[in-house]
Amino acid sequence: MSQATEGMARTNVDCGYQHWLIEPSDTDDLPTAARAIWCQSAGTIVVRDETGNDLPYDLATGQILPFYVVRVLATGTTGTFYGWT
């Protein structure tokens, strides 16, 4: 079965095409950089961008962080989050 997006260019305004439960780690990058984060249960998420900057964000349940993220740090992260690409 072919994918619905096969042969199509993706842009920053497209909907997501993959999602996964984020497992925070102080040492490992995400398996795929997320272009947005969905907050499943409220908490703080500490994210690293592609230049190595780490910042915390307080998110409410259902909130989306529309930001490219390469790592979610375990230290300081609470709540449950899903990555979207």
Protein backbone atom coordinates (compact mmCIF):
# COMPACT_ATOMS: atom_id res chain seq x y z
CA MET A 1 0.00 0.00 0.00
CA SER A 2 1.49 3.35 -0.97
CA GLN A 3 1.55 6.29 1.40
CA ALA A 4 -0.90 9.11 0.78
CA THR A 5 1.97 11.61 0.77
CA GLU A 6 4.23 9.67 -1.60
CA GLY A 7 5.74 11.92 -4.26
CA MET A 8 4.45 15.09 -2.63
CA ALA A 9 6.68 17.87 -1.33
CA ARG A 10 6.17 18.75 2.33
CA THR A 11 6.05 22.32 3.61
CA ASN A 12 5.83 23.98 7.02
CA VAL A 13 2.09 24.50 6.58
CA ASP A 14 1.26 20.83 5.94
CA CYS A 15 -0.39 18.70 8.58
CA GLY A 16 1.75 16.20 10.45
CA TYR A 17 2.50 12.80 8.95
CA GLN A 18 4.17 11.01 11.90
CA HIS A 19 3.61 11.13 15.66
CA TRP A 20 5.19 9.43 18.64
CA LEU A 21 5.38 9.52 22.44
CA ILE A 22 8.41 11.56 23.45
CA GLU A 23 10.79 9.88 25.88
CA PRO A 24 12.85 12.71 27.41
CA SER A 25 16.61 12.17 27.60
CA ASP A 26 19.49 14.33 28.75
CA THR A 27 21.87 12.46 26.41
CA ASP A 28 19.97 11.37 23.29
CA ASP A 29 18.35 13.41 20.52
CA LEU A 30 14.86 12.52 19.33
CA PRO A 31 14.85 9.75 16.70
CA THR A 32 13.43 12.34 14.30
CA ALA A 33 13.44 16.09 14.91
CA ALA A 34 9.92 17.17 15.82
CA ARG A 35 8.44 20.15 14.02
CA ALA A 36 5.79 20.52 16.71
CA ILE A 37 5.01 19.16 20.18
CA TRP A 38 1.52 18.23 21.43
CA CYS A 39 0.93 18.36 25.19
CA GLN A 40 -1.09 15.31 26.25
CA SER A 41 -0.92 16.14 29.98
CA ALA A 42 0.10 19.52 31.38
CA GLY A 43 3.66 20.16 32.45
CA THR A 44 6.96 21.76 31.61
CA ILE A 45 8.95 20.61 28.60
CA VAL A 46 12.63 21.50 28.26
CA VAL A 47 13.59 21.48 24.58
CA ARG A 48 16.85 21.81 22.66
CA ASP A 49 16.93 23.47 19.25
CA GLU A 50 19.34 22.64 16.42
CA THR A 51 21.88 25.20 17.68
CA GLY A 52 22.04 23.60 21.14
CA ASN A 53 19.94 26.15 23.04
CA ASP A 54 17.80 24.67 25.83
CA LEU A 55 14.65 26.43 27.08
CA PRO A 56 11.68 25.35 29.25
CA TYR A 57 8.07 25.85 28.15
CA ASP A 58 5.06 25.47 30.45
CA LEU A 59 2.29 23.84 28.41
CA ALA A 60 -1.37 23.17 29.17
CA THR A 61 -3.13 19.99 28.11
CA GLY A 62 -3.98 20.24 24.41
CA GLN A 63 -1.48 23.01 23.72
CA ILE A 64 0.84 22.80 20.71
CA LEU A 65 4.41 24.08 20.69
CA PRO A 66 5.04 24.86 16.98
CA PHE A 67 8.81 24.64 17.07
CA TYR A 68 11.51 22.38 15.59
CA VAL A 69 12.97 20.37 18.46
CA VAL A 70 15.95 18.00 18.31
CA ARG A 71 15.96 16.90 21.98
CA VAL A 72 13.61 16.92 24.94
CA LEU A 73 15.62 16.91 28.14
CA ALA A 74 14.61 14.66 31.04
CA THR A 75 15.83 17.15 33.63
CA GLY A 76 13.04 19.66 34.17
CA THR A 77 10.48 17.96 31.91
CA THR A 78 7.17 16.93 33.47
CA GLY A 79 3.93 15.94 31.77
CA THR A 80 3.33 13.81 28.67
CA PHE A 81 4.20 15.01 25.18
CA TYR A 82 3.93 13.75 21.60
CA GLY A 83 6.24 14.72 18.76
CA TRP A 84 4.88 15.55 15.29
CA THR A 85 6.69 15.65 11.98
